[in-house]
PDB file of N, CA and C in Angstrom:
ATOM      1  N   UNK A   1      50.261 142.274 108.373  1.00  0.00           N
ATOM      2  CA  UNK A   1      50.242 143.681 108.718  1.00  0.00           C
ATOM      3  C   UNK A   1      50.399 144.476 107.428  1.00  0.00           C
ATOM      4  N   UNK A   2      49.621 145.535 107.306  1.00  0.00           N
ATOM      5  CA  UNK A   2      49.724 146.387 106.132  1.00  0.00           C
ATOM      6  C   UNK A   2      50.768 147.469 106.374  1.00  0.00           C
ATOM      7  N   UNK A   3      51.577 147.713 105.353  1.00  0.00           N
ATOM      8  CA  UNK A   3      52.620 148.729 105.435  1.00  0.00           C
ATOM      9  C   UNK A   3      52.565 149.616 104.198  1.00  0.00           C
ATOM     10  N   UNK A   4      53.158 150.796 104.334  1.00  0.00           N
ATOM     11  CA  UNK A   4      53.261 151.740 103.223  1.00  0.00           C
ATOM     12  C   UNK A   4      54.740 151.951 102.922  1.00  0.00           C
ATOM     13  N   UNK A   5      55.102 151.857 101.649  1.00  0.00           N
ATOM     14  CA  UNK A   5      56.496 152.005 101.232  1.00  0.00           C
ATOM     15  C   UNK A   5      56.936 153.460 101.349  1.00  0.00           C
ATOM     16  N   UNK A   6      58.143 153.670 101.874  1.00  0.00           N
ATOM     17  CA  UNK A   6      58.719 155.011 101.929  1.00  0.00           C
ATOM     18  C   UNK A   6      59.486 155.267 100.628  1.00  0.00           C
ATOM     19  N   UNK A   7      60.084 156.429 100.515  1.00  0.00           N
ATOM     20  CA  UNK A   7      60.821 156.771  99.295  1.00  0.00           C
ATOM     21  C   UNK A   7      62.197 156.122  99.221  1.00  0.00           C
ATOM     22  N   UNK A   8      62.615 155.398 100.248  1.00  0.00           N
ATOM     23  CA  UNK A   8      63.950 154.782 100.284  1.00  0.00           C
ATOM     24  C   UNK A   8      64.130 153.712  99.213  1.00  0.00           C
ATOM     25  N   UNK A   9      63.064 152.980  98.889  1.00  0.00           N
ATOM     26  CA  UNK A   9      63.157 151.975  97.826  1.00  0.00           C
ATOM     27  C   UNK A   9      63.612 152.623  96.523  1.00  0.00           C
ATOM     28  N   UNK A  10      62.962 153.731  96.160  1.00  0.00           N
ATOM     29  CA  UNK A  10      63.271 154.391  94.891  1.00  0.00           C
ATOM     30  C   UNK A  10      64.610 155.134  94.944  1.00  0.00           C
ATOM     31  N   UNK A  11      64.914 155.774  96.081  1.00  0.00           N
ATOM     32  CA  UNK A  11      66.180 156.508  96.192  1.00  0.00           C
ATOM     33  C   UNK A  11      67.387 155.581  96.083  1.00  0.00           C
ATOM     34  N   UNK A  12      67.298 154.431  96.752  1.00  0.00           N
ATOM     35  CA  UNK A  12      68.411 153.482  96.742  1.00  0.00           C
ATOM     36  C   UNK A  12      68.294 152.455  95.615  1.00  0.00           C
ATOM     37  N   UNK A  13      67.180 152.492  94.881  1.00  0.00           N
ATOM     38  CA  UNK A  13      66.893 151.554  93.797  1.00  0.00           C
ATOM     39  C   UNK A  13      67.029 150.113  94.277  1.00  0.00           C
ATOM     40  N   UNK A  14      66.328 149.807  95.376  1.00  0.00           N
ATOM     41  CA  UNK A  14      66.378 148.483  95.992  1.00  0.00           C
ATOM     42  C   UNK A  14      65.117 147.719  95.619  1.00  0.00           C
ATOM     43  N   UNK A  15      65.306 146.530  95.109  1.00  0.00           N
ATOM     44  CA  UNK A  15      64.195 145.649  94.738  1.00  0.00           C
ATOM     45  C   UNK A  15      63.783 144.848  95.970  1.00  0.00           C
ATOM     46  N   UNK A  16      62.494 144.806  96.265  1.00  0.00           N
ATOM     47  CA  UNK A  16      61.989 144.023  97.385  1.00  0.00           C
ATOM     48  C   UNK A  16      62.042 142.540  97.013  1.00  0.00           C
ATOM     49  N   UNK A  17      62.541 141.709  97.916  1.00  0.00           N
ATOM     50  CA  UNK A  17      62.699 140.282  97.620  1.00  0.00           C
ATOM     51  C   UNK A  17      61.362 139.574  97.454  1.00  0.00           C
ATOM     52  N   UNK A  18      60.402 139.930  98.268  1.00  0.00           N
ATOM     53  CA  UNK A  18      59.099 139.265  98.215  1.00  0.00           C
ATOM     54  C   UNK A  18      58.298 139.738  97.003  1.00  0.00           C
ATOM     55  N   UNK A  19      58.296 141.030  96.739  1.00  0.00           N
ATOM     56  CA  UNK A  19      57.520 141.577  95.624  1.00  0.00           C
ATOM     57  C   UNK A  19      58.231 141.418  94.282  1.00  0.00           C
ATOM     58  N   UNK A  20      59.529 141.199  94.303  1.00  0.00           N
ATOM     59  CA  UNK A  20      60.364 141.065  93.095  1.00  0.00           C
ATOM     60  C   UNK A  20      60.332 142.306  92.212  1.00  0.00           C
ATOM     61  N   UNK A  21      60.217 143.453  92.836  1.00  0.00           N
ATOM     62  CA  UNK A  21      60.226 144.730  92.116  1.00  0.00           C
ATOM     63  C   UNK A  21      60.476 145.858  93.106  1.00  0.00           C
ATOM     64  N   UNK A  22      60.648 147.073  92.582  1.00  0.00           N
ATOM     65  CA  UNK A  22      60.842 148.253  93.431  1.00  0.00           C
ATOM     66  C   UNK A  22      59.471 148.875  93.695  1.00  0.00           C
ATOM     67  N   UNK A  23      58.995 148.853  94.949  1.00  0.00           N
ATOM     68  CA  UNK A  23      57.689 149.450  95.251  1.00  0.00           C
ATOM     69  C   UNK A  23      57.718 150.969  95.093  1.00  0.00           C
ATOM     70  N   UNK A  24      56.613 151.525  94.635  1.00  0.00           N
ATOM     71  CA  UNK A  24      56.477 152.971  94.497  1.00  0.00           C
ATOM     72  C   UNK A  24      56.284 153.590  95.877  1.00  0.00           C
ATOM     73  N   UNK A  25      56.662 154.837  96.025  1.00  0.00           N
ATOM     74  CA  UNK A  25      56.473 155.551  97.284  1.00  0.00           C
ATOM     75  C   UNK A  25      54.986 155.651  97.595  1.00  0.00           C
ATOM     76  N   UNK A  26      54.602 155.238  98.797  1.00  0.00           N
ATOM     77  CA  UNK A  26      53.199 155.296  99.218  1.00  0.00           C
ATOM     78  C   UNK A  26      52.407 154.047  98.904  1.00  0.00           C
ATOM     79  N   UNK A  27      53.016 153.091  98.226  1.00  0.00           N
ATOM     80  CA  UNK A  27      52.310 151.850  97.886  1.00  0.00           C
ATOM     81  C   UNK A  27      52.042 151.055  99.163  1.00  0.00           C
ATOM     82  N   UNK A  28      50.848 150.491  99.264  1.00  0.00           N
ATOM     83  CA  UNK A  28      50.452 149.727 100.445  1.00  0.00           C
ATOM     84  C   UNK A  28      50.480 148.239 100.087  1.00  0.00           C
ATOM     85  N   UNK A  29      51.125 147.442 100.950  1.00  0.00           N
ATOM     86  CA  UNK A  29      51.162 145.996 100.747  1.00  0.00           C
ATOM     87  C   UNK A  29      51.255 145.293 102.091  1.00  0.00           C
ATOM     88  N   UNK A  30      51.066 143.984 102.063  1.00  0.00           N
ATOM     89  CA  UNK A  30      51.008 143.163 103.277  1.00  0.00           C
ATOM     90  C   UNK A  30      52.359 142.493 103.529  1.00  0.00           C
ATOM     91  N   UNK A  31      52.831 142.505 104.792  1.00  0.00           N
ATOM     92  CA  UNK A  31      54.060 141.813 105.189  1.00  0.00           C
ATOM     93  C   UNK A  31      53.843 141.118 106.524  1.00  0.00           C
ATOM     94  N   UNK A  32      54.702 140.154 106.828  1.00  0.00           N
ATOM     95  CA  UNK A  32      54.652 139.486 108.129  1.00  0.00           C
ATOM     96  C   UNK A  32      55.328 140.368 109.176  1.00  0.00           C
ATOM     97  N   UNK A  33      55.163 139.997 110.435  1.00  0.00           N
ATOM     98  CA  UNK A  33      55.790 140.765 111.528  1.00  0.00           C
ATOM     99  C   UNK A  33      57.315 140.718 111.429  1.00  0.00           C
ATOM    100  N   UNK A  34      57.860 139.553 111.094  1.00  0.00           N
ATOM    101  CA  UNK A  34      59.314 139.417 110.968  1.00  0.00           C
ATOM    102  C   UNK A  34      59.836 140.272 109.818  1.00  0.00           C
ATOM    103  N   UNK A  35      59.113 140.262 108.704  1.00  0.00           N
ATOM    104  CA  UNK A  35      59.518 141.052 107.539  1.00  0.00           C
ATOM    105  C   UNK A  35      59.442 142.542 107.853  1.00  0.00           C
ATOM    106  N   UNK A  36      58.460 142.945 108.641  1.00  0.00           N
ATOM    107  CA  UNK A  36      58.329 144.344 109.041  1.00  0.00           C
ATOM    108  C   UNK A  36      59.554 144.804 109.828  1.00  0.00           C
ATOM    109  N   UNK A  37      60.033 143.954 110.729  1.00  0.00           N
ATOM    110  CA  UNK A  37      61.213 144.310 111.518  1.00  0.00           C
ATOM    111  C   UNK A  37      62.417 144.552 110.615  1.00  0.00           C
ATOM    112  N   UNK A  38      62.561 143.728 109.589  1.00  0.00           N
ATOM    113  CA  UNK A  38      63.683 143.879 108.660  1.00  0.00           C
ATOM    114  C   UNK A  38      63.528 145.164 107.857  1.00  0.00           C
ATOM    115  N   UNK A  39      62.340 145.394 107.337  1.00  0.00           N
ATOM    116  CA  UNK A  39      62.113 146.561 106.482  1.00  0.00           C
ATOM    117  C   UNK A  39      62.081 147.876 107.250  1.00  0.00           C
ATOM    118  N   UNK A  40      61.897 147.822 108.564  1.00  0.00           N
ATOM    119  CA  UNK A  40      61.820 149.054 109.347  1.00  0.00           C
ATOM    120  C   UNK A  40      63.152 149.439 109.991  1.00  0.00           C
ATOM    121  N   UNK A  41      64.267 148.890 109.492  1.00  0.00           N
ATOM    122  CA  UNK A  41      65.558 149.359 109.969  1.00  0.00           C
ATOM    123  C   UNK A  41      66.581 148.300 110.270  1.00  0.00           C
ATOM    124  N   UNK A  42      66.154 147.092 110.548  1.00  0.00           N
ATOM    125  CA  UNK A  42      67.084 146.020 110.891  1.00  0.00           C
ATOM    126  C   UNK A  42      67.526 145.304 109.603  1.00  0.00           C
ATOM    127  N   UNK A  43      68.189 146.058 108.708  1.00  0.00           N
ATOM    128  CA  UNK A  43      68.626 145.496 107.424  1.00  0.00           C
ATOM    129  C   UNK A  43      70.042 145.960 107.117  1.00  0.00           C
ATOM    130  N   UNK A  44      70.619 145.471 106.031  1.00  0.00           N
ATOM    131  CA  UNK A  44      72.009 145.793 105.694  1.00  0.00           C
ATOM    132  C   UNK A  44      72.211 147.256 105.322  1.00  0.00           C
ATOM    133  N   UNK A  45      71.135 147.950 104.930  1.00  0.00           N
ATOM    134  CA  UNK A  45      71.236 149.365 104.588  1.00  0.00           C
ATOM    135  C   UNK A  45      71.020 150.280 105.796  1.00  0.00           C
ATOM    136  N   UNK A  46      70.488 149.728 106.886  1.00  0.00           N
ATOM    137  CA  UNK A  46      70.100 150.498 108.074  1.00  0.00           C
ATOM    138  C   UNK A  46      69.164 151.647 107.703  1.00  0.00           C
ATOM    139  N   UNK A  47      68.226 151.354 106.832  1.00  0.00           N
ATOM    140  CA  UNK A  47      67.240 152.334 106.363  1.00  0.00           C
ATOM    141  C   UNK A  47      65.838 151.821 106.663  1.00  0.00           C
ATOM    142  N   UNK A  48      64.910 152.757 106.782  1.00  0.00           N
ATOM    143  CA  UNK A  48      63.503 152.414 106.991  1.00  0.00           C
ATOM    144  C   UNK A  48      62.816 152.427 105.627  1.00  0.00           C
ATOM    145  N   UNK A  49      62.399 151.239 105.181  1.00  0.00           N
ATOM    146  CA  UNK A  49      61.779 151.110 103.875  1.00  0.00           C
ATOM    147  C   UNK A  49      60.257 151.165 103.929  1.00  0.00           C
ATOM    148  N   UNK A  50      59.677 150.879 105.092  1.00  0.00           N
ATOM    149  CA  UNK A  50      58.223 150.874 105.228  1.00  0.00           C
ATOM    150  C   UNK A  50      57.800 151.517 106.540  1.00  0.00           C
ATOM    151  N   UNK A  51      56.541 151.908 106.578  1.00  0.00           N
ATOM    152  CA  UNK A  51      55.929 152.404 107.816  1.00  0.00           C
ATOM    153  C   UNK A  51      54.589 151.709 107.968  1.00  0.00           C
ATOM    154  N   UNK A  52      54.134 151.574 109.196  1.00  0.00           N
ATOM    155  CA  UNK A  52      52.839 150.930 109.426  1.00  0.00           C
ATOM    156  C   UNK A  52      51.750 151.732 108.746  1.00  0.00           C
ATOM    157  N   UNK A  53      50.810 151.019 108.165  1.00  0.00           N
ATOM    158  CA  UNK A  53      49.692 151.659 107.479  1.00  0.00           C
ATOM    159  C   UNK A  53      48.442 151.474 108.312  1.00  0.00           C
ATOM    160  N   UNK A  54      47.858 152.570 108.690  1.00  0.00           N
ATOM    161  CA  UNK A  54      46.610 152.548 109.449  1.00  0.00           C
ATOM    162  C   UNK A  54      45.533 153.086 108.525  1.00  0.00           C
ATOM    163  N   UNK A  55      44.553 152.250 108.265  1.00  0.00           N
ATOM    164  CA  UNK A  55      43.487 152.663 107.365  1.00  0.00           C
ATOM    165  C   UNK A  55      42.684 153.784 107.998  1.00  0.00           C
ATOM    166  N   UNK A  56      42.437 154.782 107.188  1.00  0.00           N
ATOM    167  CA  UNK A  56      41.649 155.906 107.666  1.00  0.00           C
ATOM    168  C   UNK A  56      40.190 155.633 107.374  1.00  0.00           C
ATOM    169  N   UNK A  57      39.397 155.796 108.377  1.00  0.00           N
ATOM    170  CA  UNK A  57      37.965 155.579 108.211  1.00  0.00           C
ATOM    171  C   UNK A  57      37.311 156.871 107.748  1.00  0.00           C
ATOM    172  N   UNK A  58      36.433 156.717 106.798  1.00  0.00           N
ATOM    173  CA  UNK A  58      35.695 157.887 106.351  1.00  0.00           C
ATOM    174  C   UNK A  58      34.494 158.061 107.269  1.00  0.00           C
ATOM    175  N   UNK A  59      34.340 159.255 107.764  1.00  0.00           N
ATOM    176  CA  UNK A  59      33.237 159.547 108.665  1.00  0.00           C
ATOM    177  C   UNK A  59      32.205 160.347 107.887  1.00  0.00           C
ATOM    178  N   UNK A  60      31.033 159.789 107.835  1.00  0.00           N
ATOM    179  CA  UNK A  60      29.966 160.474 107.110  1.00  0.00           C
ATOM    180  C   UNK A  60      29.368 161.551 108.008  1.00  0.00           C
ATOM    181  N   UNK A  61      29.269 162.728 107.477  1.00  0.00           N
ATOM    182  CA  UNK A  61      28.645 163.803 108.225  1.00  0.00           C
ATOM    183  C   UNK A  61      27.364 164.198 107.513  1.00  0.00           C
ATOM    184  N   UNK A  62      26.366 164.447 108.290  1.00  0.00           N
ATOM    185  CA  UNK A  62      25.084 164.827 107.734  1.00  0.00           C
ATOM    186  C   UNK A  62      24.837 166.287 108.084  1.00  0.00           C
ATOM    187  N   UNK A  63      24.670 167.076 107.045  1.00  0.00           N
ATOM    188  CA  UNK A  63      24.372 168.482 107.265  1.00  0.00           C
ATOM    189  C   UNK A  63      22.859 168.645 107.260  1.00  0.00           C
ATOM    190  N   UNK A  64      22.335 169.248 108.305  1.00  0.00           N
ATOM    191  CA  UNK A  64      20.881 169.416 108.338  1.00  0.00           C
ATOM    192  C   UNK A  64      20.436 170.403 107.259  1.00  0.00           C
ATOM    193  N   UNK A  65      19.316 170.066 106.646  1.00  0.00           N
ATOM    194  CA  UNK A  65      18.779 170.965 105.636  1.00  0.00           C
ATOM    195  C   UNK A  65      17.960 172.037 106.345  1.00  0.00           C
ATOM    196  N   UNK A  66      18.259 173.251 106.019  1.00  0.00           N
ATOM    197  CA  UNK A  66      17.535 174.371 106.624  1.00  0.00           C
ATOM    198  C   UNK A  66      16.633 174.965 105.562  1.00  0.00           C
ATOM    199  N   UNK A  67      15.377 174.941 105.866  1.00  0.00           N
ATOM    200  CA  UNK A  67      14.426 175.525 104.929  1.00  0.00           C
ATOM    201  C   UNK A  67      14.145 176.943 105.383  1.00  0.00           C
ATOM    202  N   UNK A  68      14.261 177.851 104.462  1.00  0.00           N
ATOM    203  CA  UNK A  68      14.009 179.242 104.785  1.00  0.00           C
ATOM    204  C   UNK A  68      12.607 179.612 104.294  1.00  0.00           C
ATOM    205  N   UNK A  69      11.901 180.254 105.160  1.00  0.00           N
ATOM    206  CA  UNK A  69      10.570 180.720 104.768  1.00  0.00           C
ATOM    207  C   UNK A  69      10.738 182.006 103.967  1.00  0.00           C
ATOM    208  N   UNK A  70      10.126 182.024 102.824  1.00  0.00           N
ATOM    209  CA  UNK A  70      10.224 183.188 101.959  1.00  0.00           C
ATOM    210  C   UNK A  70       8.858 183.845 101.899  1.00  0.00           C
ATOM    211  N   UNK A  71       8.840 185.129 102.211  1.00  0.00           N
ATOM    212  CA  UNK A  71       7.588 185.871 102.185  1.00  0.00           C
ATOM    213  C   UNK A  71       7.390 186.348 100.758  1.00  0.00           C
ATOM    214  N   UNK A  72       6.265 185.948 100.201  1.00  0.00           N
ATOM    215  CA  UNK A  72       5.963 186.336  98.840  1.00  0.00           C
ATOM    216  C   UNK A  72       5.108 187.597  98.874  1.00  0.00           C
ATOM    217  N   UNK A  73       5.495 188.545  98.084  1.00  0.00           N
ATOM    218  CA  UNK A  73       4.708 189.780  98.005  1.00  0.00           C
ATOM    219  C   UNK A  73       4.268 189.963  96.559  1.00  0.00           C
ATOM    220  N   UNK A  74       3.088 190.473  96.427  1.00  0.00           N
ATOM    221  CA  UNK A  74       2.535 190.733  95.115  1.00  0.00           C
ATOM    222  C   UNK A  74       2.414 192.241  94.956  1.00  0.00           C
ATOM    223  N   UNK A  75       3.003 192.765  93.925  1.00  0.00           N
ATOM    224  CA  UNK A  75       2.892 194.195  93.642  1.00  0.00           C
ATOM    225  C   UNK A  75       1.614 194.430  92.856  1.00  0.00           C
ATOM    226  N   UNK A  76       0.722 195.175  93.446  1.00  0.00           N
ATOM    227  CA  UNK A  76      -0.529 195.486  92.751  1.00  0.00           C
ATOM    228  C   UNK A  76      -0.368 196.826  92.062  1.00  0.00           C
ATOM    229  N   UNK A  77      -0.763 196.861  90.863  1.00  0.00           N
ATOM    230  CA  UNK A  77      -0.733 198.134  90.127  1.00  0.00           C
ATOM    231  C   UNK A  77      -2.094 198.761  90.179  1.00  0.00           C
ATOM    232  N   UNK A  78      -2.131 200.068  90.365  1.00  0.00           N
ATOM    233  CA  UNK A  78      -3.413 200.767  90.475  1.00  0.00           C
ATOM    234  C   UNK A  78      -3.710 201.527  89.230  1.00  0.00           C
TER     235      UNK A  78
END
């Protein structure tokens, strides 16, 4: 499962055991379901260190091209 690190790692200066470092706020990494339960509140700090990460899909939008008819006029000099 992909998770995103909250700011609690940096505020409490807690090193993640699996990563062996302090994850940056917003960093996305992979954890097991059991590890997610621990990091989401069931730990000795009673803090939420991660949140589930849901990948955002980019939706392509197509804007129709509108062609404008331009009337050309010629100024004749007399």
